[in-house]
C-alpha cells in the first residue's frame, strides 16, 4: 500500500482522476430522479448521491452537479417543488444508465430511453413505473456549495410506493430481495447481498446479530 498526495492526483488526466476519486468513496445508492416542468414535460436522470438526512421529518438529500453540467432536474424541482426518487433494478439497468446522457432541454428522457412515467393524484412529478421502491418528495431547501458550484437538494418524503415483501416486522427494508442495485464510480453497477444485521450497539454489550 502506498500514499498518493493531492499534489500527485491533481496532475492526472481529467477523466482518470474523476474515475479514481468517484470510486474512492465506495459503493453508493443509485436512483432515478423524476421531475416535470411547468409545461408538463417529463425529465429523468440517474443520481448516485442520494443520502438519508433524517427520519422525523423524513428528509432525503442529493447532490446536483453545477447548473451548466446538469440543469434540467434542478430547474424543474425549483419550478414545481415536486420530484420522485426511484430505485434501479437489473431488468432495466441499461435504460436507467442511458438517462445520464446529456439530452437537450426538449427531450423527454422517459421516452428517449424506453421507461414508463407513472402518475397519481398525490403529486405532479412522475414515478418510474418499472421501479419497485419509489417515493415522492416536496422540496424543502436547496443549499449551494460555492466551492465547486454544486447544490445539496433536500426534500421531505410525501408518499411511498413499495413492494410489501421487503418490509420487515421492525420497519427494516430488505432491499436485496427485490434486487435494488448500487453503484461505484460513474458507470459501474452492483447487486447486493446481506452479510449480517446487528442489533443497536451499546457500550456495555458485545456486537450481536439478529
N, C-alpha and C. Protein backbone atom coordinates (compact mmCIF):
# COMPACT_ATOMS: atom_id res chain seq x y z
N UNK A 1 0.84 -1.19 0.00
CA UNK A 1 0.00 0.00 0.00
C UNK A 1 0.88 1.24 0.00
N UNK A 2 0.50 2.23 -0.82
CA UNK A 2 1.31 3.45 -0.87
C UNK A 2 0.40 4.67 -0.80
N UNK A 3 1.00 5.81 -0.50
CA UNK A 3 0.26 7.05 -0.31
C UNK A 3 0.32 7.89 -1.58
N UNK A 4 -0.85 8.43 -1.95
CA UNK A 4 -0.94 9.33 -3.10
C UNK A 4 -1.35 10.71 -2.58
N UNK A 5 -0.55 11.68 -2.81
CA UNK A 5 -0.85 13.02 -2.31
C UNK A 5 -1.71 13.79 -3.31
N UNK A 6 -2.35 14.85 -2.82
CA UNK A 6 -3.17 15.68 -3.70
C UNK A 6 -2.31 16.34 -4.78
N UNK A 7 -1.05 16.61 -4.46
CA UNK A 7 -0.15 17.18 -5.47
C UNK A 7 0.04 16.23 -6.65
N UNK A 8 -0.08 14.92 -6.36
CA UNK A 8 0.05 13.93 -7.43
C UNK A 8 -1.24 13.79 -8.21
N UNK A 9 -2.36 13.52 -7.53
CA UNK A 9 -3.58 13.24 -8.29
C UNK A 9 -4.14 14.47 -9.00
N UNK A 10 -3.75 15.65 -8.57
CA UNK A 10 -4.19 16.86 -9.28
C UNK A 10 -3.56 16.97 -10.66
N UNK A 11 -2.47 16.24 -10.88
CA UNK A 11 -1.80 16.27 -12.19
C UNK A 11 -2.33 15.22 -13.15
N UNK A 12 -3.16 14.32 -12.67
CA UNK A 12 -3.67 13.25 -13.52
C UNK A 12 -4.61 13.79 -14.60
N UNK A 13 -4.75 13.03 -15.66
CA UNK A 13 -5.72 13.36 -16.71
C UNK A 13 -7.12 13.44 -16.12
N UNK A 14 -7.91 14.36 -16.62
CA UNK A 14 -9.21 14.71 -16.01
C UNK A 14 -10.11 13.51 -15.76
N UNK A 15 -10.34 12.68 -16.79
CA UNK A 15 -11.29 11.59 -16.63
C UNK A 15 -10.73 10.46 -15.78
N UNK A 16 -9.42 10.25 -15.87
CA UNK A 16 -8.79 9.26 -14.99
C UNK A 16 -8.96 9.69 -13.53
N UNK A 17 -8.69 10.96 -13.24
CA UNK A 17 -8.83 11.47 -11.88
C UNK A 17 -10.29 11.38 -11.40
N UNK A 18 -11.23 11.72 -12.28
CA UNK A 18 -12.64 11.66 -11.91
C UNK A 18 -13.07 10.24 -11.57
N UNK A 19 -12.65 9.28 -12.38
CA UNK A 19 -12.98 7.87 -12.10
C UNK A 19 -12.38 7.41 -10.79
N UNK A 20 -11.15 7.80 -10.54
CA UNK A 20 -10.46 7.39 -9.32
C UNK A 20 -11.14 7.95 -8.07
N UNK A 21 -11.35 9.27 -8.03
CA UNK A 21 -11.94 9.90 -6.85
C UNK A 21 -13.39 9.46 -6.66
N UNK A 22 -14.13 9.28 -7.77
CA UNK A 22 -15.51 8.83 -7.67
C UNK A 22 -15.61 7.42 -7.10
N UNK A 23 -14.63 6.58 -7.41
CA UNK A 23 -14.63 5.22 -6.89
C UNK A 23 -14.13 5.14 -5.45
N UNK A 24 -13.34 6.12 -5.04
CA UNK A 24 -12.69 6.10 -3.74
C UNK A 24 -13.68 6.07 -2.58
N UNK A 25 -14.82 6.72 -2.74
CA UNK A 25 -15.80 6.78 -1.64
C UNK A 25 -16.56 5.48 -1.46
N UNK A 26 -16.42 4.55 -2.41
CA UNK A 26 -17.04 3.23 -2.25
C UNK A 26 -18.43 3.14 -2.83
N UNK A 27 -19.08 2.03 -2.53
CA UNK A 27 -20.41 1.76 -3.08
C UNK A 27 -21.43 2.77 -2.58
N UNK A 28 -22.31 3.19 -3.49
CA UNK A 28 -23.33 4.19 -3.18
C UNK A 28 -24.67 3.73 -3.72
N UNK A 29 -25.73 4.26 -3.12
CA UNK A 29 -27.05 4.02 -3.71
C UNK A 29 -27.10 4.71 -5.07
N UNK A 30 -27.91 4.18 -5.96
CA UNK A 30 -28.09 4.81 -7.27
C UNK A 30 -29.59 4.81 -7.58
N UNK A 31 -30.09 5.95 -8.01
CA UNK A 31 -31.53 6.11 -8.20
C UNK A 31 -31.81 6.98 -9.42
N UNK A 32 -33.04 6.89 -9.88
CA UNK A 32 -33.53 7.78 -10.92
C UNK A 32 -34.41 8.85 -10.29
N UNK A 33 -34.15 10.10 -10.62
CA UNK A 33 -34.97 11.21 -10.12
C UNK A 33 -35.87 11.68 -11.25
N UNK A 34 -37.17 11.64 -10.98
CA UNK A 34 -38.17 12.05 -11.96
C UNK A 34 -38.73 13.42 -11.64
N UNK A 35 -38.79 14.27 -12.65
CA UNK A 35 -39.35 15.61 -12.47
C UNK A 35 -40.21 15.97 -13.68
N UNK A 36 -40.87 17.10 -13.57
CA UNK A 36 -41.67 17.63 -14.67
C UNK A 36 -41.56 19.15 -14.63
N UNK A 37 -41.54 19.78 -15.79
CA UNK A 37 -41.51 21.24 -15.79
C UNK A 37 -42.93 21.80 -15.82
N UNK A 38 -43.05 23.11 -15.80
CA UNK A 38 -44.38 23.73 -15.73
C UNK A 38 -45.19 23.54 -17.00
N UNK A 39 -44.54 23.12 -18.07
CA UNK A 39 -45.24 22.82 -19.31
C UNK A 39 -45.71 21.37 -19.36
N UNK A 40 -45.37 20.58 -18.33
CA UNK A 40 -45.78 19.19 -18.27
C UNK A 40 -44.81 18.23 -18.91
N UNK A 41 -43.64 18.70 -19.34
CA UNK A 41 -42.65 17.81 -19.94
C UNK A 41 -41.86 17.09 -18.86
N UNK A 42 -41.75 15.77 -19.00
CA UNK A 42 -41.06 14.95 -18.00
C UNK A 42 -39.55 14.96 -18.21
N UNK A 43 -38.85 14.76 -17.13
CA UNK A 43 -37.40 14.64 -17.15
C UNK A 43 -37.00 13.51 -16.23
N UNK A 44 -35.94 12.79 -16.59
CA UNK A 44 -35.47 11.67 -15.77
C UNK A 44 -33.95 11.61 -15.82
N UNK A 45 -33.32 11.49 -14.65
CA UNK A 45 -31.87 11.43 -14.60
C UNK A 45 -31.39 10.48 -13.52
N UNK A 46 -30.21 9.91 -13.71
CA UNK A 46 -29.64 8.97 -12.74
C UNK A 46 -28.70 9.73 -11.80
N UNK A 47 -28.83 9.43 -10.49
CA UNK A 47 -28.03 10.09 -9.46
C UNK A 47 -27.51 9.06 -8.47
N UNK A 48 -26.22 9.18 -8.12
CA UNK A 48 -25.63 8.27 -7.15
C UNK A 48 -25.24 8.98 -5.86
N UNK A 49 -25.89 10.09 -5.59
CA UNK A 49 -25.54 10.90 -4.41
C UNK A 49 -26.72 11.07 -3.46
N UNK A 50 -27.72 10.20 -3.56
CA UNK A 50 -28.89 10.30 -2.68
C UNK A 50 -28.50 9.85 -1.27
N UNK A 51 -28.91 10.63 -0.27
CA UNK A 51 -28.49 10.33 1.10
C UNK A 51 -29.62 10.61 2.08
N UNK A 52 -29.73 9.77 3.10
CA UNK A 52 -30.68 9.96 4.19
C UNK A 52 -30.25 11.17 5.01
N UNK A 53 -31.18 12.09 5.25
CA UNK A 53 -30.89 13.27 6.08
C UNK A 53 -31.50 13.12 7.46
N UNK A 54 -32.73 12.61 7.54
CA UNK A 54 -33.39 12.44 8.83
C UNK A 54 -34.69 11.68 8.67
N UNK A 55 -35.17 11.10 9.78
CA UNK A 55 -36.38 10.27 9.73
C UNK A 55 -37.63 10.98 10.24
N UNK A 56 -37.47 12.02 11.05
CA UNK A 56 -38.62 12.74 11.60
C UNK A 56 -38.29 14.22 11.72
N UNK A 57 -38.63 15.00 10.69
CA UNK A 57 -39.34 14.63 9.47
C UNK A 57 -38.47 13.76 8.53
N UNK A 58 -39.15 13.10 7.59
CA UNK A 58 -38.48 12.18 6.68
C UNK A 58 -37.82 12.98 5.56
N UNK A 59 -36.52 13.23 5.71
CA UNK A 59 -35.78 14.07 4.76
C UNK A 59 -34.74 13.27 4.01
N UNK A 60 -34.65 13.53 2.72
CA UNK A 60 -33.66 12.89 1.85
C UNK A 60 -32.98 13.99 1.04
N UNK A 61 -31.67 13.88 0.89
CA UNK A 61 -30.93 14.85 0.09
C UNK A 61 -30.22 14.20 -1.08
N UNK A 62 -29.85 15.02 -2.03
CA UNK A 62 -28.98 14.56 -3.11
C UNK A 62 -28.14 15.74 -3.58
N UNK A 63 -27.01 15.45 -4.19
CA UNK A 63 -26.14 16.48 -4.73
C UNK A 63 -26.42 16.66 -6.22
N UNK A 64 -26.75 17.89 -6.59
CA UNK A 64 -26.92 18.23 -8.00
C UNK A 64 -25.65 18.89 -8.51
N UNK A 65 -25.18 18.44 -9.63
CA UNK A 65 -23.97 19.00 -10.23
C UNK A 65 -24.18 20.47 -10.63
N UNK A 66 -23.13 21.17 -11.02
CA UNK A 66 -23.29 22.58 -11.44
C UNK A 66 -24.36 22.73 -12.51
N UNK A 67 -25.04 23.86 -12.49
CA UNK A 67 -26.16 24.08 -13.41
C UNK A 67 -25.77 23.88 -14.87
N UNK A 68 -24.58 24.33 -15.23
CA UNK A 68 -24.15 24.22 -16.62
C UNK A 68 -24.05 22.76 -17.05
N UNK A 69 -23.67 21.88 -16.13
CA UNK A 69 -23.49 20.46 -16.46
C UNK A 69 -24.79 19.68 -16.37
N UNK A 70 -25.68 20.05 -15.43
CA UNK A 70 -26.91 19.26 -15.20
C UNK A 70 -28.03 20.20 -14.76
N UNK A 71 -28.61 20.95 -15.69
CA UNK A 71 -29.57 21.99 -15.31
C UNK A 71 -31.02 21.54 -15.14
N UNK A 72 -31.45 20.50 -15.85
CA UNK A 72 -32.88 20.26 -16.01
C UNK A 72 -33.57 19.77 -14.73
N UNK A 73 -32.96 18.79 -14.05
CA UNK A 73 -33.59 18.27 -12.83
C UNK A 73 -33.74 19.38 -11.80
N UNK A 74 -32.69 20.13 -11.56
CA UNK A 74 -32.74 21.19 -10.56
C UNK A 74 -33.74 22.27 -10.95
N UNK A 75 -33.75 22.67 -12.20
CA UNK A 75 -34.69 23.70 -12.64
C UNK A 75 -36.13 23.26 -12.47
N UNK A 76 -36.42 22.00 -12.77
CA UNK A 76 -37.80 21.50 -12.63
C UNK A 76 -38.22 21.45 -11.16
N UNK A 77 -37.29 21.03 -10.29
CA UNK A 77 -37.61 20.99 -8.86
C UNK A 77 -37.85 22.39 -8.33
N UNK A 78 -37.03 23.34 -8.76
CA UNK A 78 -37.23 24.73 -8.34
C UNK A 78 -38.58 25.26 -8.82
N UNK A 79 -38.99 24.87 -10.01
CA UNK A 79 -40.22 25.39 -10.61
C UNK A 79 -41.47 24.79 -9.99
N UNK A 80 -41.42 23.51 -9.64
CA UNK A 80 -42.64 22.81 -9.18
C UNK A 80 -42.60 22.41 -7.71
N UNK A 81 -41.41 22.28 -7.15
CA UNK A 81 -41.26 21.82 -5.77
C UNK A 81 -41.53 20.34 -5.58
N UNK A 82 -41.64 19.60 -6.67
CA UNK A 82 -42.02 18.19 -6.59
C UNK A 82 -41.06 17.32 -7.39
N UNK A 83 -40.72 16.13 -6.84
CA UNK A 83 -39.89 15.18 -7.58
C UNK A 83 -40.03 13.79 -6.96
N UNK A 84 -39.57 12.79 -7.69
CA UNK A 84 -39.60 11.42 -7.19
C UNK A 84 -38.20 10.82 -7.24
N UNK A 85 -37.95 9.87 -6.35
CA UNK A 85 -36.71 9.09 -6.36
C UNK A 85 -37.10 7.63 -6.50
N UNK A 86 -36.45 6.95 -7.45
CA UNK A 86 -36.84 5.60 -7.84
C UNK A 86 -35.63 4.67 -7.85
N UNK A 87 -35.74 3.53 -7.15
CA UNK A 87 -34.65 2.56 -7.15
C UNK A 87 -34.47 1.95 -8.54
N UNK A 88 -33.25 1.48 -8.80
CA UNK A 88 -32.92 0.87 -10.09
C UNK A 88 -32.70 -0.62 -9.90
N UNK A 89 -33.19 -1.43 -10.84
CA UNK A 89 -33.06 -2.88 -10.81
C UNK A 89 -32.44 -3.36 -12.12
N UNK A 90 -31.89 -4.55 -12.08
CA UNK A 90 -31.11 -5.06 -13.21
C UNK A 90 -31.92 -5.16 -14.50
N UNK A 91 -33.22 -5.42 -14.39
CA UNK A 91 -34.01 -5.64 -15.60
C UNK A 91 -34.20 -4.38 -16.44
N UNK A 92 -33.92 -3.21 -15.88
CA UNK A 92 -33.96 -2.01 -16.72
C UNK A 92 -32.70 -1.15 -16.56
N UNK A 93 -31.62 -1.75 -16.10
CA UNK A 93 -30.38 -1.02 -15.86
C UNK A 93 -29.85 -0.30 -17.11
N UNK A 94 -29.77 -0.94 -18.28
CA UNK A 94 -29.24 -0.20 -19.44
C UNK A 94 -30.04 1.06 -19.74
N UNK A 95 -31.37 0.99 -19.59
CA UNK A 95 -32.20 2.17 -19.84
C UNK A 95 -31.98 3.23 -18.77
N UNK A 96 -31.81 2.78 -17.53
CA UNK A 96 -31.54 3.73 -16.45
C UNK A 96 -30.23 4.45 -16.67
N UNK A 97 -29.18 3.70 -17.02
CA UNK A 97 -27.87 4.32 -17.26
C UNK A 97 -27.94 5.32 -18.41
N UNK A 98 -28.73 5.03 -19.40
CA UNK A 98 -28.80 5.91 -20.58
C UNK A 98 -29.33 7.30 -20.22
N UNK A 99 -30.06 7.42 -19.11
CA UNK A 99 -30.56 8.74 -18.72
C UNK A 99 -29.44 9.68 -18.29
N UNK A 100 -28.22 9.15 -18.11
CA UNK A 100 -27.09 10.02 -17.77
C UNK A 100 -26.57 10.79 -18.98
N UNK A 101 -27.05 10.44 -20.17
CA UNK A 101 -26.66 11.17 -21.37
C UNK A 101 -27.20 12.60 -21.30
N UNK A 102 -26.49 13.53 -21.92
CA UNK A 102 -26.89 14.94 -21.87
C UNK A 102 -27.89 15.25 -22.99
N UNK A 103 -29.14 14.88 -22.73
CA UNK A 103 -30.20 15.18 -23.69
C UNK A 103 -30.52 16.67 -23.65
N UNK A 104 -30.96 17.20 -24.77
CA UNK A 104 -31.31 18.61 -24.83
C UNK A 104 -32.59 18.87 -24.05
N UNK A 105 -32.87 20.13 -23.79
CA UNK A 105 -33.98 20.52 -22.93
C UNK A 105 -35.32 20.01 -23.43
N UNK A 106 -35.51 19.88 -24.72
CA UNK A 106 -36.79 19.49 -25.26
C UNK A 106 -37.04 17.99 -25.29
N UNK A 107 -36.11 17.20 -24.78
CA UNK A 107 -36.23 15.75 -24.85
C UNK A 107 -36.79 15.19 -23.54
N UNK A 108 -37.79 14.31 -23.66
CA UNK A 108 -38.34 13.57 -22.53
C UNK A 108 -37.53 12.28 -22.38
N UNK A 109 -36.72 12.18 -21.32
CA UNK A 109 -35.84 11.02 -21.15
C UNK A 109 -36.61 9.72 -20.98
N UNK A 110 -37.81 9.76 -20.40
CA UNK A 110 -38.63 8.55 -20.30
C UNK A 110 -38.82 7.96 -21.70
N UNK A 111 -39.23 8.79 -22.64
CA UNK A 111 -39.45 8.32 -24.00
C UNK A 111 -38.15 7.95 -24.68
N UNK A 112 -37.11 8.73 -24.46
CA UNK A 112 -35.84 8.51 -25.14
C UNK A 112 -35.21 7.16 -24.78
N UNK A 113 -35.37 6.74 -23.51
CA UNK A 113 -34.70 5.50 -23.08
C UNK A 113 -35.65 4.32 -22.97
N UNK A 114 -36.96 4.56 -23.05
CA UNK A 114 -37.92 3.46 -23.00
C UNK A 114 -38.38 3.07 -21.62
N UNK A 115 -38.45 4.04 -20.69
CA UNK A 115 -39.04 3.80 -19.37
C UNK A 115 -40.41 4.45 -19.30
N UNK A 116 -41.20 4.04 -18.32
CA UNK A 116 -42.62 4.43 -18.28
C UNK A 116 -42.89 5.40 -17.15
N UNK A 117 -43.37 6.61 -17.44
CA UNK A 117 -43.76 7.53 -16.37
C UNK A 117 -45.05 7.06 -15.71
N UNK A 118 -45.11 7.16 -14.41
CA UNK A 118 -46.29 6.75 -13.65
C UNK A 118 -46.76 7.92 -12.79
N UNK A 119 -48.00 8.32 -12.99
CA UNK A 119 -48.55 9.45 -12.26
C UNK A 119 -49.66 8.98 -11.32
N UNK A 120 -49.89 9.75 -10.26
CA UNK A 120 -51.07 9.54 -9.43
C UNK A 120 -51.57 10.89 -8.97
N UNK A 121 -52.63 10.87 -8.16
CA UNK A 121 -53.29 12.12 -7.76
C UNK A 121 -52.56 12.86 -6.66
N UNK A 122 -51.52 12.27 -6.10
CA UNK A 122 -50.87 12.86 -4.93
C UNK A 122 -49.77 13.86 -5.26
N UNK A 123 -49.15 13.72 -6.42
CA UNK A 123 -48.08 14.66 -6.77
C UNK A 123 -47.95 14.76 -8.28
N UNK A 124 -47.31 15.83 -8.74
CA UNK A 124 -47.27 16.07 -10.18
C UNK A 124 -46.06 15.43 -10.85
N UNK A 125 -45.03 15.11 -10.09
CA UNK A 125 -43.82 14.52 -10.68
C UNK A 125 -44.04 13.05 -10.99
N UNK A 126 -43.46 12.55 -12.06
CA UNK A 126 -43.66 11.15 -12.45
C UNK A 126 -42.74 10.19 -11.69
N UNK A 127 -43.31 9.06 -11.28
CA UNK A 127 -42.52 7.93 -10.82
C UNK A 127 -42.01 7.15 -12.05
N UNK A 128 -41.08 6.23 -11.81
CA UNK A 128 -40.69 5.25 -12.82
C UNK A 128 -41.51 3.98 -12.55
N UNK A 129 -42.40 3.64 -13.46
CA UNK A 129 -43.30 2.51 -13.25
C UNK A 129 -42.54 1.22 -12.99
N UNK A 130 -41.41 1.03 -13.65
CA UNK A 130 -40.64 -0.21 -13.55
C UNK A 130 -39.96 -0.39 -12.19
N UNK A 131 -39.84 0.67 -11.40
CA UNK A 131 -39.15 0.60 -10.12
C UNK A 131 -40.04 -0.01 -9.04
N UNK A 132 -39.44 -0.80 -8.14
CA UNK A 132 -40.19 -1.47 -7.08
C UNK A 132 -40.13 -0.73 -5.75
N UNK A 133 -39.29 0.28 -5.65
CA UNK A 133 -39.26 1.17 -4.48
C UNK A 133 -39.13 2.59 -5.01
N UNK A 134 -40.10 3.43 -4.70
CA UNK A 134 -40.09 4.79 -5.20
C UNK A 134 -40.86 5.69 -4.25
N UNK A 135 -40.45 6.95 -4.19
CA UNK A 135 -41.11 7.85 -3.26
C UNK A 135 -41.10 9.27 -3.82
N UNK A 136 -42.14 10.00 -3.46
CA UNK A 136 -42.31 11.38 -3.92
C UNK A 136 -41.93 12.34 -2.80
N UNK A 137 -41.31 13.43 -3.19
CA UNK A 137 -40.83 14.41 -2.22
C UNK A 137 -41.29 15.82 -2.58
N UNK A 138 -41.41 16.66 -1.56
CA UNK A 138 -41.59 18.09 -1.73
C UNK A 138 -40.30 18.79 -1.36
N UNK A 139 -39.90 19.73 -2.17
CA UNK A 139 -38.66 20.46 -1.93
C UNK A 139 -38.74 21.25 -0.62
N UNK A 140 -37.69 21.14 0.19
CA UNK A 140 -37.60 21.91 1.42
C UNK A 140 -36.49 22.95 1.37
N UNK A 141 -35.37 22.60 0.78
CA UNK A 141 -34.25 23.54 0.77
C UNK A 141 -33.24 23.16 -0.30
N UNK A 142 -32.67 24.17 -0.94
CA UNK A 142 -31.55 23.98 -1.85
C UNK A 142 -30.38 24.76 -1.28
N UNK A 143 -29.31 24.06 -0.96
CA UNK A 143 -28.14 24.68 -0.33
C UNK A 143 -27.00 24.72 -1.34
N UNK A 144 -26.62 25.91 -1.81
CA UNK A 144 -25.49 26.00 -2.73
C UNK A 144 -24.19 25.64 -2.03
N UNK A 145 -23.30 24.98 -2.77
CA UNK A 145 -21.96 24.67 -2.29
C UNK A 145 -20.99 25.46 -3.19
N UNK A 146 -20.64 26.67 -2.79
CA UNK A 146 -19.88 27.56 -3.68
C UNK A 146 -18.52 27.00 -4.11
N UNK A 147 -17.92 26.17 -3.28
CA UNK A 147 -16.56 25.69 -3.55
C UNK A 147 -16.46 24.99 -4.90
N UNK A 148 -17.52 24.23 -5.29
CA UNK A 148 -17.48 23.57 -6.60
C UNK A 148 -18.77 23.77 -7.40
N UNK A 149 -19.58 24.75 -6.97
CA UNK A 149 -20.80 25.14 -7.71
C UNK A 149 -21.85 24.04 -7.80
N UNK A 150 -21.86 23.13 -6.83
CA UNK A 150 -22.91 22.12 -6.76
C UNK A 150 -23.98 22.55 -5.76
N UNK A 151 -25.01 21.71 -5.59
CA UNK A 151 -26.13 22.05 -4.72
C UNK A 151 -26.56 20.81 -3.93
N UNK A 152 -26.82 21.00 -2.65
CA UNK A 152 -27.46 19.97 -1.85
C UNK A 152 -28.95 20.25 -1.87
N UNK A 153 -29.70 19.33 -2.46
CA UNK A 153 -31.15 19.48 -2.57
C UNK A 153 -31.81 18.60 -1.52
N UNK A 154 -32.60 19.20 -0.65
CA UNK A 154 -33.23 18.46 0.45
C UNK A 154 -34.75 18.46 0.25
N UNK A 155 -35.34 17.27 0.30
CA UNK A 155 -36.78 17.14 0.15
C UNK A 155 -37.37 16.31 1.28
N UNK A 156 -38.66 16.53 1.54
CA UNK A 156 -39.39 15.74 2.53
C UNK A 156 -40.26 14.72 1.83
N UNK A 157 -40.15 13.47 2.25
CA UNK A 157 -40.93 12.40 1.64
C UNK A 157 -42.41 12.58 1.93
N UNK A 158 -43.22 12.49 0.88
CA UNK A 158 -44.66 12.66 1.00
C UNK A 158 -45.43 11.35 0.80
N UNK A 159 -45.02 10.58 -0.18
CA UNK A 159 -45.70 9.31 -0.49
C UNK A 159 -44.66 8.28 -0.91
N UNK A 160 -44.93 7.03 -0.58
CA UNK A 160 -44.01 5.93 -0.88
C UNK A 160 -44.77 4.81 -1.57
N UNK A 161 -44.21 4.30 -2.65
CA UNK A 161 -44.74 3.11 -3.32
C UNK A 161 -43.69 2.02 -3.18
N UNK A 162 -44.11 0.87 -2.66
CA UNK A 162 -43.11 -0.13 -2.29
C UNK A 162 -43.67 -1.55 -2.42
N UNK A 163 -42.81 -2.49 -2.71
CA UNK A 163 -43.17 -3.90 -2.74
C UNK A 163 -43.23 -4.39 -1.30
N UNK A 164 -44.38 -4.84 -0.85
CA UNK A 164 -44.58 -5.17 0.57
C UNK A 164 -43.72 -6.33 1.05
N UNK A 165 -43.21 -7.16 0.14
CA UNK A 165 -42.43 -8.33 0.57
C UNK A 165 -41.11 -7.96 1.23
N UNK A 166 -40.63 -6.74 1.03
CA UNK A 166 -39.35 -6.36 1.60
C UNK A 166 -39.49 -5.68 2.97
N UNK A 167 -40.72 -5.47 3.44
CA UNK A 167 -40.95 -4.78 4.70
C UNK A 167 -40.87 -5.76 5.87
N UNK A 168 -39.83 -5.62 6.69
CA UNK A 168 -39.66 -6.49 7.84
C UNK A 168 -40.52 -5.99 9.02
N UNK A 169 -40.70 -6.83 10.03
CA UNK A 169 -41.61 -6.51 11.14
C UNK A 169 -41.15 -5.31 11.96
N UNK A 170 -39.85 -4.99 11.91
CA UNK A 170 -39.34 -3.84 12.67
C UNK A 170 -39.17 -2.60 11.80
N UNK A 171 -39.66 -2.64 10.56
CA UNK A 171 -39.56 -1.49 9.68
C UNK A 171 -38.38 -1.53 8.72
N UNK A 172 -37.45 -2.44 8.94
CA UNK A 172 -36.29 -2.55 8.06
C UNK A 172 -36.72 -3.00 6.66
N UNK A 173 -36.04 -2.47 5.63
CA UNK A 173 -36.35 -2.85 4.26
C UNK A 173 -35.26 -3.76 3.72
N UNK A 174 -35.60 -4.98 3.36
CA UNK A 174 -34.66 -5.96 2.82
C UNK A 174 -34.56 -5.76 1.31
N UNK A 175 -33.81 -4.75 0.92
CA UNK A 175 -33.77 -4.34 -0.49
C UNK A 175 -33.16 -5.40 -1.40
N UNK A 176 -32.32 -6.28 -0.84
CA UNK A 176 -31.71 -7.31 -1.68
C UNK A 176 -32.75 -8.28 -2.25
N UNK A 177 -33.91 -8.37 -1.60
CA UNK A 177 -34.95 -9.28 -2.06
C UNK A 177 -35.54 -8.87 -3.40
N UNK A 178 -35.48 -7.60 -3.72
CA UNK A 178 -36.02 -7.13 -4.99
C UNK A 178 -34.93 -6.65 -5.94
N UNK A 179 -33.68 -6.88 -5.56
CA UNK A 179 -32.59 -6.58 -6.48
C UNK A 179 -32.29 -5.11 -6.67
N UNK A 180 -32.49 -4.30 -5.63
CA UNK A 180 -32.06 -2.91 -5.74
C UNK A 180 -30.55 -2.87 -5.96
N UNK A 181 -30.11 -2.08 -6.92
CA UNK A 181 -28.71 -2.01 -7.28
C UNK A 181 -28.01 -0.85 -6.56
N UNK A 182 -26.69 -0.95 -6.48
CA UNK A 182 -25.87 0.17 -6.02
C UNK A 182 -24.82 0.45 -7.09
N UNK A 183 -24.01 1.49 -6.87
CA UNK A 183 -23.05 1.87 -7.89
C UNK A 183 -21.69 2.17 -7.28
N UNK A 184 -20.69 2.23 -8.14
CA UNK A 184 -19.37 2.71 -7.75
C UNK A 184 -18.82 3.49 -8.93
N UNK A 185 -18.19 4.61 -8.66
CA UNK A 185 -17.73 5.45 -9.75
C UNK A 185 -18.92 6.04 -10.49
N UNK A 186 -18.73 6.28 -11.79
CA UNK A 186 -19.79 6.92 -12.57
C UNK A 186 -20.44 5.99 -13.59
N UNK A 187 -19.98 4.75 -13.67
CA UNK A 187 -20.52 3.89 -14.74
C UNK A 187 -20.58 2.41 -14.38
N UNK A 188 -20.42 2.07 -13.08
CA UNK A 188 -20.42 0.66 -12.68
C UNK A 188 -21.53 0.40 -11.68
N UNK A 189 -22.20 -0.73 -11.84
CA UNK A 189 -23.37 -1.05 -11.02
C UNK A 189 -23.20 -2.44 -10.42
N UNK A 190 -23.77 -2.64 -9.23
CA UNK A 190 -23.55 -3.87 -8.47
C UNK A 190 -24.83 -4.36 -7.84
N UNK A 191 -24.94 -5.67 -7.71
CA UNK A 191 -26.01 -6.25 -6.91
C UNK A 191 -25.56 -6.25 -5.45
N UNK A 192 -26.49 -6.54 -4.55
CA UNK A 192 -26.16 -6.52 -3.11
C UNK A 192 -26.54 -7.85 -2.47
N UNK A 193 -25.85 -8.17 -1.39
CA UNK A 193 -26.15 -9.36 -0.60
C UNK A 193 -25.92 -9.05 0.87
N UNK A 194 -26.88 -9.41 1.71
CA UNK A 194 -26.76 -9.14 3.13
C UNK A 194 -25.65 -9.99 3.74
N UNK A 195 -24.73 -9.37 4.47
CA UNK A 195 -23.68 -10.08 5.20
C UNK A 195 -24.17 -10.41 6.60
N UNK A 196 -24.59 -9.41 7.34
CA UNK A 196 -25.15 -9.58 8.68
C UNK A 196 -25.90 -8.31 9.05
N UNK A 197 -26.83 -8.45 9.97
CA UNK A 197 -27.54 -7.31 10.52
C UNK A 197 -27.36 -7.34 12.03
N UNK A 198 -26.91 -6.22 12.60
CA UNK A 198 -26.57 -6.16 14.02
C UNK A 198 -27.59 -5.36 14.81
N UNK A 199 -27.78 -5.77 16.04
CA UNK A 199 -28.66 -5.03 16.94
C UNK A 199 -28.02 -3.70 17.32
N UNK A 200 -28.83 -2.79 17.84
CA UNK A 200 -28.37 -1.46 18.22
C UNK A 200 -27.18 -1.57 19.18
N UNK A 201 -26.09 -0.90 18.84
CA UNK A 201 -24.86 -1.02 19.62
C UNK A 201 -24.92 -0.21 20.91
N UNK A 202 -24.45 -0.82 22.01
CA UNK A 202 -24.35 -0.14 23.30
C UNK A 202 -22.95 -0.38 23.87
N UNK A 203 -22.40 0.60 24.60
CA UNK A 203 -21.01 0.47 25.09
C UNK A 203 -20.76 -0.76 25.95
N UNK A 204 -21.76 -1.23 26.69
CA UNK A 204 -21.54 -2.34 27.63
C UNK A 204 -21.96 -3.70 27.07
N UNK A 205 -22.27 -3.75 25.78
CA UNK A 205 -22.69 -5.02 25.17
C UNK A 205 -21.82 -5.34 23.97
N UNK A 206 -21.55 -6.63 23.77
CA UNK A 206 -20.81 -7.05 22.59
C UNK A 206 -21.73 -7.02 21.38
N UNK A 207 -21.16 -6.86 20.17
CA UNK A 207 -21.99 -6.86 18.96
C UNK A 207 -22.81 -8.15 18.87
N UNK A 208 -24.08 -8.01 18.53
CA UNK A 208 -24.99 -9.16 18.45
C UNK A 208 -25.81 -9.05 17.17
N UNK A 209 -25.88 -10.14 16.44
CA UNK A 209 -26.66 -10.16 15.21
C UNK A 209 -28.10 -10.56 15.50
N UNK A 210 -28.97 -10.24 14.55
CA UNK A 210 -30.37 -10.65 14.67
C UNK A 210 -30.50 -12.15 14.50
